């Protein structure tokens, strides 16, 4: 099925991994939005080893994210870990193959 969140990765040289969480009103009411932020921040805090150093991770919550528990968010992160590591690999070009043409 469709993942309830989307990740973006940006380089931030010399800085520890950082997290930004975006949860719009379309996702849930205020209580639900704050719960999503708390769960995502806790996953980030407890699982720093999954995040490459010198990166900024931006987590954009999608509809249904307020229904996710810690274990589900963590499993989504594990699935995305390989892509995060590839994106943070040294020497990776910041332009996509389509832009380079």
PDB file of N, CA and C in Angstrom:
ATOM      1  N   UNK A   1       0.804  -1.182   0.000  1.00  0.00           N
ATOM      2  CA  UNK A   1       0.000   0.000   0.000  1.00  0.00           C
ATOM      3  C   UNK A   1       0.853   1.254   0.000  1.00  0.00           C
ATOM      4  N   UNK A   2       0.208   2.350   0.020  1.00  0.00           N
ATOM      5  CA  UNK A   2       0.894   3.629  -0.021  1.00  0.00           C
ATOM      6  C   UNK A   2       1.435   3.979   1.358  1.00  0.00           C
ATOM      7  N   UNK A   3       2.673   4.404   1.408  1.00  0.00           N
ATOM      8  CA  UNK A   3       3.313   4.784   2.662  1.00  0.00           C
ATOM      9  C   UNK A   3       2.643   6.039   3.214  1.00  0.00           C
ATOM     10  N   UNK A   4       2.425   6.100   4.535  1.00  0.00           N
ATOM     11  CA  UNK A   4       1.765   7.264   5.108  1.00  0.00           C
ATOM     12  C   UNK A   4       2.665   8.482   5.251  1.00  0.00           C
ATOM     13  N   UNK A   5       3.917   8.371   4.877  1.00  0.00           N
ATOM     14  CA  UNK A   5       4.799   9.519   4.982  1.00  0.00           C
ATOM     15  C   UNK A   5       5.804   9.506   3.848  1.00  0.00           C
ATOM     16  N   UNK A   6       6.443  10.642   3.653  1.00  0.00           N
ATOM     17  CA  UNK A   6       7.415  10.780   2.569  1.00  0.00           C
ATOM     18  C   UNK A   6       8.653  11.433   3.163  1.00  0.00           C
ATOM     19  N   UNK A   7       9.824  10.936   2.793  1.00  0.00           N
ATOM     20  CA  UNK A   7      11.071  11.437   3.349  1.00  0.00           C
ATOM     21  C   UNK A   7      11.861  12.189   2.292  1.00  0.00           C
ATOM     22  N   UNK A   8      12.552  13.218   2.704  1.00  0.00           N
ATOM     23  CA  UNK A   8      13.485  13.958   1.859  1.00  0.00           C
ATOM     24  C   UNK A   8      14.796  14.028   2.605  1.00  0.00           C
ATOM     25  N   UNK A   9      15.892  14.069   1.863  1.00  0.00           N
ATOM     26  CA  UNK A   9      17.203  14.087   2.489  1.00  0.00           C
ATOM     27  C   UNK A   9      18.018  15.219   1.908  1.00  0.00           C
ATOM     28  N   UNK A  10      18.599  16.040   2.763  1.00  0.00           N
ATOM     29  CA  UNK A  10      19.445  17.142   2.349  1.00  0.00           C
ATOM     30  C   UNK A  10      20.755  17.047   3.107  1.00  0.00           C
ATOM     31  N   UNK A  11      21.844  17.499   2.493  1.00  0.00           N
ATOM     32  CA  UNK A  11      23.138  17.496   3.162  1.00  0.00           C
ATOM     33  C   UNK A  11      23.256  18.712   4.067  1.00  0.00           C
ATOM     34  N   UNK A  12      23.927  18.519   5.187  1.00  0.00           N
ATOM     35  CA  UNK A  12      24.183  19.595   6.133  1.00  0.00           C
ATOM     36  C   UNK A  12      25.568  19.362   6.727  1.00  0.00           C
ATOM     37  N   UNK A  13      26.646  19.673   5.962  1.00  0.00           N
ATOM     38  CA  UNK A  13      28.011  19.324   6.370  1.00  0.00           C
ATOM     39  C   UNK A  13      28.381  19.830   7.761  1.00  0.00           C
ATOM     40  N   UNK A  14      29.036  18.952   8.516  1.00  0.00           N
ATOM     41  CA  UNK A  14      29.518  19.308   9.835  1.00  0.00           C
ATOM     42  C   UNK A  14      28.457  19.325  10.920  1.00  0.00           C
ATOM     43  N   UNK A  15      27.250  18.971  10.616  1.00  0.00           N
ATOM     44  CA  UNK A  15      26.159  19.001  11.586  1.00  0.00           C
ATOM     45  C   UNK A  15      25.685  17.578  11.868  1.00  0.00           C
ATOM     46  N   UNK A  16      25.190  17.328  13.072  1.00  0.00           N
ATOM     47  CA  UNK A  16      24.578  16.022  13.326  1.00  0.00           C
ATOM     48  C   UNK A  16      23.263  15.918  12.550  1.00  0.00           C
ATOM     49  N   UNK A  17      22.772  14.717  12.397  1.00  0.00           N
ATOM     50  CA  UNK A  17      21.504  14.521  11.690  1.00  0.00           C
ATOM     51  C   UNK A  17      20.415  15.336  12.383  1.00  0.00           C
ATOM     52  N   UNK A  18      19.564  15.965  11.565  1.00  0.00           N
ATOM     53  CA  UNK A  18      18.464  16.770  12.100  1.00  0.00           C
ATOM     54  C   UNK A  18      17.161  16.298  11.473  1.00  0.00           C
ATOM     55  N   UNK A  19      16.063  16.606  12.129  1.00  0.00           N
ATOM     56  CA  UNK A  19      14.747  16.166  11.689  1.00  0.00           C
ATOM     57  C   UNK A  19      13.789  17.339  11.615  1.00  0.00           C
ATOM     58  N   UNK A  20      13.004  17.380  10.549  1.00  0.00           N
ATOM     59  CA  UNK A  20      11.905  18.326  10.425  1.00  0.00           C
ATOM     60  C   UNK A  20      10.639  17.527  10.160  1.00  0.00           C
ATOM     61  N   UNK A  21       9.564  17.854  10.828  1.00  0.00           N
ATOM     62  CA  UNK A  21       8.303  17.132  10.664  1.00  0.00           C
ATOM     63  C   UNK A  21       7.229  18.122  10.237  1.00  0.00           C
ATOM     64  N   UNK A  22       6.551  17.799   9.141  1.00  0.00           N
ATOM     65  CA  UNK A  22       5.457  18.629   8.652  1.00  0.00           C
ATOM     66  C   UNK A  22       4.171  17.812   8.703  1.00  0.00           C
ATOM     67  N   UNK A  23       3.179  18.348   9.407  1.00  0.00           N
ATOM     68  CA  UNK A  23       1.877  17.680   9.517  1.00  0.00           C
ATOM     69  C   UNK A  23       0.817  18.744   9.282  1.00  0.00           C
ATOM     70  N   UNK A  24       0.107  18.650   8.166  1.00  0.00           N
ATOM     71  CA  UNK A  24      -0.896  19.666   7.840  1.00  0.00           C
ATOM     72  C   UNK A  24      -2.245  19.336   8.477  1.00  0.00           C
ATOM     73  N   UNK A  25      -3.152  20.300   8.399  1.00  0.00           N
ATOM     74  CA  UNK A  25      -4.494  20.118   8.955  1.00  0.00           C
ATOM     75  C   UNK A  25      -5.271  19.011   8.256  1.00  0.00           C
ATOM     76  N   UNK A  26      -4.880  18.690   7.026  1.00  0.00           N
ATOM     77  CA  UNK A  26      -5.565  17.617   6.303  1.00  0.00           C
ATOM     78  C   UNK A  26      -5.314  16.242   6.928  1.00  0.00           C
ATOM     79  N   UNK A  27      -4.207  16.120   7.652  1.00  0.00           N
ATOM     80  CA  UNK A  27      -3.830  14.832   8.239  1.00  0.00           C
ATOM     81  C   UNK A  27      -4.703  14.515   9.446  1.00  0.00           C
ATOM     82  N   UNK A  28      -4.885  15.482  10.333  1.00  0.00           N
ATOM     83  CA  UNK A  28      -5.654  15.238  11.553  1.00  0.00           C
ATOM     84  C   UNK A  28      -5.944  16.567  12.247  1.00  0.00           C
ATOM     85  N   UNK A  29      -6.714  16.463  13.338  1.00  0.00           N
ATOM     86  CA  UNK A  29      -6.945  17.669  14.142  1.00  0.00           C
ATOM     87  C   UNK A  29      -5.675  17.965  14.936  1.00  0.00           C
ATOM     88  N   UNK A  30      -5.685  19.003  15.756  1.00  0.00           N
ATOM     89  CA  UNK A  30      -4.478  19.437  16.471  1.00  0.00           C
ATOM     90  C   UNK A  30      -3.891  18.331  17.343  1.00  0.00           C
ATOM     91  N   UNK A  31      -4.735  17.601  18.035  1.00  0.00           N
ATOM     92  CA  UNK A  31      -4.259  16.520  18.893  1.00  0.00           C
ATOM     93  C   UNK A  31      -3.565  15.449  18.049  1.00  0.00           C
ATOM     94  N   UNK A  32      -4.167  15.068  16.934  1.00  0.00           N
ATOM     95  CA  UNK A  32      -3.582  14.062  16.045  1.00  0.00           C
ATOM     96  C   UNK A  32      -2.274  14.530  15.428  1.00  0.00           C
ATOM     97  N   UNK A  33      -2.223  15.796  15.015  1.00  0.00           N
ATOM     98  CA  UNK A  33      -0.989  16.331  14.423  1.00  0.00           C
ATOM     99  C   UNK A  33       0.153  16.321  15.433  1.00  0.00           C
ATOM    100  N   UNK A  34      -0.150  16.722  16.670  1.00  0.00           N
ATOM    101  CA  UNK A  34       0.881  16.719  17.703  1.00  0.00           C
ATOM    102  C   UNK A  34       1.335  15.308  18.040  1.00  0.00           C
ATOM    103  N   UNK A  35       0.421  14.342  18.005  1.00  0.00           N
ATOM    104  CA  UNK A  35       0.786  12.951  18.261  1.00  0.00           C
ATOM    105  C   UNK A  35       1.735  12.443  17.174  1.00  0.00           C
ATOM    106  N   UNK A  36       1.437  12.770  15.915  1.00  0.00           N
ATOM    107  CA  UNK A  36       2.317  12.371  14.809  1.00  0.00           C
ATOM    108  C   UNK A  36       3.712  12.946  15.040  1.00  0.00           C
ATOM    109  N   UNK A  37       3.794  14.215  15.371  1.00  0.00           N
ATOM    110  CA  UNK A  37       5.104  14.851  15.607  1.00  0.00           C
ATOM    111  C   UNK A  37       5.856  14.166  16.747  1.00  0.00           C
ATOM    112  N   UNK A  38       5.144  13.876  17.842  1.00  0.00           N
ATOM    113  CA  UNK A  38       5.791  13.230  18.991  1.00  0.00           C
ATOM    114  C   UNK A  38       6.325  11.856  18.627  1.00  0.00           C
ATOM    115  N   UNK A  39       5.537  11.062  17.926  1.00  0.00           N
ATOM    116  CA  UNK A  39       5.955   9.701  17.564  1.00  0.00           C
ATOM    117  C   UNK A  39       7.157   9.744  16.620  1.00  0.00           C
ATOM    118  N   UNK A  40       7.102  10.591  15.603  1.00  0.00           N
ATOM    119  CA  UNK A  40       8.204  10.672  14.637  1.00  0.00           C
ATOM    120  C   UNK A  40       9.474  11.158  15.326  1.00  0.00           C
ATOM    121  N   UNK A  41       9.368  12.169  16.185  1.00  0.00           N
ATOM    122  CA  UNK A  41      10.553  12.657  16.909  1.00  0.00           C
ATOM    123  C   UNK A  41      11.139  11.578  17.819  1.00  0.00           C
ATOM    124  N   UNK A  42      10.268  10.790  18.453  1.00  0.00           N
ATOM    125  CA  UNK A  42      10.749   9.722  19.335  1.00  0.00           C
ATOM    126  C   UNK A  42      11.448   8.627  18.534  1.00  0.00           C
ATOM    127  N   UNK A  43      10.914   8.271  17.376  1.00  0.00           N
ATOM    128  CA  UNK A  43      11.587   7.293  16.509  1.00  0.00           C
ATOM    129  C   UNK A  43      12.957   7.829  16.118  1.00  0.00           C
ATOM    130  N   UNK A  44      13.027   9.081  15.745  1.00  0.00           N
ATOM    131  CA  UNK A  44      14.294   9.707  15.372  1.00  0.00           C
ATOM    132  C   UNK A  44      15.275   9.685  16.544  1.00  0.00           C
ATOM    133  N   UNK A  45      14.809  10.058  17.716  1.00  0.00           N
ATOM    134  CA  UNK A  45      15.670  10.129  18.897  1.00  0.00           C
ATOM    135  C   UNK A  45      16.238   8.763  19.274  1.00  0.00           C
ATOM    136  N   UNK A  46      15.401   7.742  19.259  1.00  0.00           N
ATOM    137  CA  UNK A  46      15.834   6.411  19.673  1.00  0.00           C
ATOM    138  C   UNK A  46      16.594   5.635  18.600  1.00  0.00           C
ATOM    139  N   UNK A  47      16.529   6.087  17.357  1.00  0.00           N
ATOM    140  CA  UNK A  47      17.129   5.335  16.256  1.00  0.00           C
ATOM    141  C   UNK A  47      18.068   6.192  15.427  1.00  0.00           C
ATOM    142  N   UNK A  48      18.869   7.006  16.070  1.00  0.00           N
ATOM    143  CA  UNK A  48      19.795   7.898  15.362  1.00  0.00           C
ATOM    144  C   UNK A  48      20.729   7.138  14.420  1.00  0.00           C
ATOM    145  N   UNK A  49      21.045   5.889  14.736  1.00  0.00           N
ATOM    146  CA  UNK A  49      21.972   5.106  13.911  1.00  0.00           C
ATOM    147  C   UNK A  49      21.435   4.910  12.491  1.00  0.00           C
ATOM    148  N   UNK A  50      20.127   4.975  12.297  1.00  0.00           N
ATOM    149  CA  UNK A  50      19.539   4.824  10.964  1.00  0.00           C
ATOM    150  C   UNK A  50      19.783   6.039  10.080  1.00  0.00           C
ATOM    151  N   UNK A  51      20.061   7.175  10.692  1.00  0.00           N
ATOM    152  CA  UNK A  51      20.176   8.418   9.944  1.00  0.00           C
ATOM    153  C   UNK A  51      21.629   8.741   9.671  1.00  0.00           C
ATOM    154  N   UNK A  52      21.983   8.981   8.415  1.00  0.00           N
ATOM    155  CA  UNK A  52      23.356   9.338   8.089  1.00  0.00           C
ATOM    156  C   UNK A  52      23.731  10.654   8.765  1.00  0.00           C
ATOM    157  N   UNK A  53      25.006  10.788   9.202  1.00  0.00           N
ATOM    158  CA  UNK A  53      25.414  12.074   9.769  1.00  0.00           C
ATOM    159  C   UNK A  53      25.388  13.148   8.680  1.00  0.00           C
ATOM    160  N   UNK A  54      25.366  14.379   9.078  1.00  0.00           N
ATOM    161  CA  UNK A  54      25.389  15.513   8.146  1.00  0.00           C
ATOM    162  C   UNK A  54      24.179  15.553   7.228  1.00  0.00           C
ATOM    163  N   UNK A  55      23.014  15.182   7.723  1.00  0.00           N
ATOM    164  CA  UNK A  55      21.823  15.238   6.875  1.00  0.00           C
ATOM    165  C   UNK A  55      20.672  15.891   7.629  1.00  0.00           C
ATOM    166  N   UNK A  56      19.728  16.357   6.856  1.00  0.00           N
ATOM    167  CA  UNK A  56      18.486  16.887   7.406  1.00  0.00           C
ATOM    168  C   UNK A  56      17.376  16.040   6.805  1.00  0.00           C
ATOM    169  N   UNK A  57      16.620  15.378   7.636  1.00  0.00           N
ATOM    170  CA  UNK A  57      15.518  14.537   7.186  1.00  0.00           C
ATOM    171  C   UNK A  57      14.226  15.324   7.369  1.00  0.00           C
ATOM    172  N   UNK A  58      13.444  15.437   6.308  1.00  0.00           N
ATOM    173  CA  UNK A  58      12.162  16.127   6.376  1.00  0.00           C
ATOM    174  C   UNK A  58      11.070  15.081   6.188  1.00  0.00           C
ATOM    175  N   UNK A  59      10.243  14.923   7.200  1.00  0.00           N
ATOM    176  CA  UNK A  59       9.193  13.909   7.208  1.00  0.00           C
ATOM    177  C   UNK A  59       7.876  14.643   6.973  1.00  0.00           C
ATOM    178  N   UNK A  60       7.212  14.348   5.862  1.00  0.00           N
ATOM    179  CA  UNK A  60       5.931  14.968   5.527  1.00  0.00           C
ATOM    180  C   UNK A  60       4.852  13.918   5.740  1.00  0.00           C
ATOM    181  N   UNK A  61       4.020  14.143   6.749  1.00  0.00           N
ATOM    182  CA  UNK A  61       2.983  13.180   7.093  1.00  0.00           C
ATOM    183  C   UNK A  61       1.862  13.207   6.062  1.00  0.00           C
ATOM    184  N   UNK A  62       1.358  12.046   5.776  1.00  0.00           N
ATOM    185  CA  UNK A  62       0.214  11.907   4.867  1.00  0.00           C
ATOM    186  C   UNK A  62      -1.022  11.495   5.645  1.00  0.00           C
ATOM    187  N   UNK A  63      -2.131  11.544   4.962  1.00  0.00           N
ATOM    188  CA  UNK A  63      -3.392  11.157   5.577  1.00  0.00           C
ATOM    189  C   UNK A  63      -3.269   9.764   6.185  1.00  0.00           C
ATOM    190  N   UNK A  64      -3.748   9.621   7.391  1.00  0.00           N
ATOM    191  CA  UNK A  64      -3.679   8.335   8.082  1.00  0.00           C
ATOM    192  C   UNK A  64      -2.487   8.213   9.009  1.00  0.00           C
ATOM    193  N   UNK A  65      -1.549   9.163   8.960  1.00  0.00           N
ATOM    194  CA  UNK A  65      -0.356   9.095   9.799  1.00  0.00           C
ATOM    195  C   UNK A  65      -0.705   9.154  11.284  1.00  0.00           C
ATOM    196  N   UNK A  66      -1.813   9.789  11.624  1.00  0.00           N
ATOM    197  CA  UNK A  66      -2.196   9.890  13.032  1.00  0.00           C
ATOM    198  C   UNK A  66      -2.623   8.553  13.622  1.00  0.00           C
ATOM    199  N   UNK A  67      -2.843   7.560  12.775  1.00  0.00           N
ATOM    200  CA  UNK A  67      -3.252   6.227  13.241  1.00  0.00           C
ATOM    201  C   UNK A  67      -2.049   5.310  13.486  1.00  0.00           C
ATOM    202  N   UNK A  68      -0.853   5.750  13.101  1.00  0.00           N
ATOM    203  CA  UNK A  68       0.334   4.905  13.207  1.00  0.00           C
ATOM    204  C   UNK A  68       0.898   4.911  14.619  1.00  0.00           C
ATOM    205  N   UNK A  69       1.406   3.747  15.036  1.00  0.00           N
ATOM    206  CA  UNK A  69       2.066   3.673  16.330  1.00  0.00           C
ATOM    207  C   UNK A  69       3.579   3.677  16.144  1.00  0.00           C
ATOM    208  N   UNK A  70       4.290   3.663  17.254  1.00  0.00           N
ATOM    209  CA  UNK A  70       5.746   3.736  17.221  1.00  0.00           C
ATOM    210  C   UNK A  70       6.336   2.623  16.352  1.00  0.00           C
ATOM    211  N   UNK A  71       5.889   1.390  16.547  1.00  0.00           N
ATOM    212  CA  UNK A  71       6.452   0.244  15.820  1.00  0.00           C
ATOM    213  C   UNK A  71       6.250   0.382  14.313  1.00  0.00           C
ATOM    214  N   UNK A  72       5.113   0.890  13.897  1.00  0.00           N
ATOM    215  CA  UNK A  72       4.841   1.056  12.466  1.00  0.00           C
ATOM    216  C   UNK A  72       5.729   2.135  11.866  1.00  0.00           C
ATOM    217  N   UNK A  73       5.872   3.251  12.557  1.00  0.00           N
ATOM    218  CA  UNK A  73       6.740   4.334  12.067  1.00  0.00           C
ATOM    219  C   UNK A  73       8.178   3.830  11.988  1.00  0.00           C
ATOM    220  N   UNK A  74       8.608   3.076  12.991  1.00  0.00           N
ATOM    221  CA  UNK A  74       9.972   2.537  12.991  1.00  0.00           C
ATOM    222  C   UNK A  74      10.172   1.562  11.831  1.00  0.00           C
ATOM    223  N   UNK A  75       9.187   0.715  11.558  1.00  0.00           N
ATOM    224  CA  UNK A  75       9.328  -0.240  10.446  1.00  0.00           C
ATOM    225  C   UNK A  75       9.387   0.487   9.104  1.00  0.00           C
ATOM    226  N   UNK A  76       8.640   1.578   8.956  1.00  0.00           N
ATOM    227  CA  UNK A  76       8.715   2.388   7.733  1.00  0.00           C
ATOM    228  C   UNK A  76      10.115   2.982   7.589  1.00  0.00           C
ATOM    229  N   UNK A  77      10.679   3.401   8.704  1.00  0.00           N
ATOM    230  CA  UNK A  77      12.027   3.961   8.692  1.00  0.00           C
ATOM    231  C   UNK A  77      13.050   2.905   8.272  1.00  0.00           C
ATOM    232  N   UNK A  78      12.918   1.705   8.787  1.00  0.00           N
ATOM    233  CA  UNK A  78      13.843   0.625   8.426  1.00  0.00           C
ATOM    234  C   UNK A  78      13.760   0.332   6.934  1.00  0.00           C
ATOM    235  N   UNK A  79      12.550   0.342   6.388  1.00  0.00           N
ATOM    236  CA  UNK A  79      12.383   0.124   4.946  1.00  0.00           C
ATOM    237  C   UNK A  79      13.082   1.219   4.141  1.00  0.00           C
ATOM    238  N   UNK A  80      13.029   2.429   4.644  1.00  0.00           N
ATOM    239  CA  UNK A  80      13.618   3.562   3.928  1.00  0.00           C
ATOM    240  C   UNK A  80      15.123   3.704   4.183  1.00  0.00           C
ATOM    241  N   UNK A  81      15.663   2.952   5.134  1.00  0.00           N
ATOM    242  CA  UNK A  81      17.061   3.104   5.529  1.00  0.00           C
ATOM    243  C   UNK A  81      18.027   2.929   4.362  1.00  0.00           C
ATOM    244  N   UNK A  82      17.807   1.944   3.524  1.00  0.00           N
ATOM    245  CA  UNK A  82      18.713   1.714   2.388  1.00  0.00           C
ATOM    246  C   UNK A  82      18.743   2.934   1.463  1.00  0.00           C
ATOM    247  N   UNK A  83      17.585   3.509   1.193  1.00  0.00           N
ATOM    248  CA  UNK A  83      17.525   4.692   0.329  1.00  0.00           C
ATOM    249  C   UNK A  83      18.213   5.879   1.001  1.00  0.00           C
ATOM    250  N   UNK A  84      18.053   6.014   2.315  1.00  0.00           N
ATOM    251  CA  UNK A  84      18.707   7.101   3.035  1.00  0.00           C
ATOM    252  C   UNK A  84      20.223   6.960   2.947  1.00  0.00           C
ATOM    253  N   UNK A  85      20.723   5.743   3.120  1.00  0.00           N
ATOM    254  CA  UNK A  85      22.167   5.522   3.074  1.00  0.00           C
ATOM    255  C   UNK A  85      22.718   5.789   1.667  1.00  0.00           C
ATOM    256  N   UNK A  86      21.982   5.362   0.635  1.00  0.00           N
ATOM    257  CA  UNK A  86      22.419   5.630  -0.745  1.00  0.00           C
ATOM    258  C   UNK A  86      22.448   7.129  -1.016  1.00  0.00           C
ATOM    259  N   UNK A  87      21.433   7.827  -0.566  1.00  0.00           N
ATOM    260  CA  UNK A  87      21.346   9.265  -0.822  1.00  0.00           C
ATOM    261  C   UNK A  87      22.457  10.029  -0.109  1.00  0.00           C
ATOM    262  N   UNK A  88      22.910   9.516   1.016  1.00  0.00           N
ATOM    263  CA  UNK A  88      23.937  10.204   1.785  1.00  0.00           C
ATOM    264  C   UNK A  88      25.349   9.737   1.435  1.00  0.00           C
ATOM    265  N   UNK A  89      25.472   8.813   0.496  1.00  0.00           N
ATOM    266  CA  UNK A  89      26.781   8.267   0.141  1.00  0.00           C
ATOM    267  C   UNK A  89      27.705   9.373  -0.378  1.00  0.00           C
ATOM    268  N   UNK A  90      28.984   9.334   0.015  1.00  0.00           N
ATOM    269  CA  UNK A  90      29.935  10.339  -0.471  1.00  0.00           C
ATOM    270  C   UNK A  90      30.037  10.305  -1.993  1.00  0.00           C
ATOM    271  N   UNK A  91      30.184  11.458  -2.596  1.00  0.00           N
ATOM    272  CA  UNK A  91      30.343  11.541  -4.043  1.00  0.00           C
ATOM    273  C   UNK A  91      29.048  11.475  -4.820  1.00  0.00           C
ATOM    274  N   UNK A  92      27.928  11.390  -4.126  1.00  0.00           N
ATOM    275  CA  UNK A  92      26.638  11.337  -4.814  1.00  0.00           C
ATOM    276  C   UNK A  92      26.340  12.701  -5.411  1.00  0.00           C
ATOM    277  N   UNK A  93      25.955  12.711  -6.670  1.00  0.00           N
ATOM    278  CA  UNK A  93      25.606  13.959  -7.342  1.00  0.00           C
ATOM    279  C   UNK A  93      24.279  14.481  -6.830  1.00  0.00           C
ATOM    280  N   UNK A  94      24.177  15.780  -6.651  1.00  0.00           N
ATOM    281  CA  UNK A  94      22.935  16.379  -6.168  1.00  0.00           C
ATOM    282  C   UNK A  94      21.913  16.561  -7.279  1.00  0.00           C
ATOM    283  N   UNK A  95      22.299  16.333  -8.554  1.00  0.00           N
ATOM    284  CA  UNK A  95      21.354  16.457  -9.653  1.00  0.00           C
ATOM    285  C   UNK A  95      20.932  15.078 -10.096  1.00  0.00           C
ATOM    286  N   UNK A  96      19.705  14.950 -10.504  1.00  0.00           N
ATOM    287  CA  UNK A  96      19.217  13.658 -10.975  1.00  0.00           C
ATOM    288  C   UNK A  96      19.729  13.420 -12.394  1.00  0.00           C
ATOM    289  N   UNK A  97      19.610  12.189 -12.857  1.00  0.00           N
ATOM    290  CA  UNK A  97      20.098  11.852 -14.199  1.00  0.00           C
ATOM    291  C   UNK A  97      19.312  12.616 -15.274  1.00  0.00           C
ATOM    292  N   UNK A  98      18.045  12.936 -15.015  1.00  0.00           N
ATOM    293  CA  UNK A  98      17.255  13.690 -15.977  1.00  0.00           C
ATOM    294  C   UNK A  98      17.730  15.130 -16.081  1.00  0.00           C
ATOM    295  N   UNK A  99      18.160  15.728 -14.962  1.00  0.00           N
ATOM    296  CA  UNK A  99      18.612  17.108 -14.993  1.00  0.00           C
ATOM    297  C   UNK A  99      19.972  17.228 -15.647  1.00  0.00           C
ATOM    298  N   UNK A 100      20.769  16.159 -15.581  1.00  0.00           N
ATOM    299  CA  UNK A 100      22.124  16.218 -16.121  1.00  0.00           C
ATOM    300  C   UNK A 100      22.132  16.142 -17.649  1.00  0.00           C
ATOM    301  N   UNK A 101      21.038  15.705 -18.231  1.00  0.00           N
ATOM    302  CA  UNK A 101      20.989  15.542 -19.690  1.00  0.00           C
ATOM    303  C   UNK A 101      20.749  16.810 -20.403  1.00  0.00           C
TER     304      UNK A 101
END
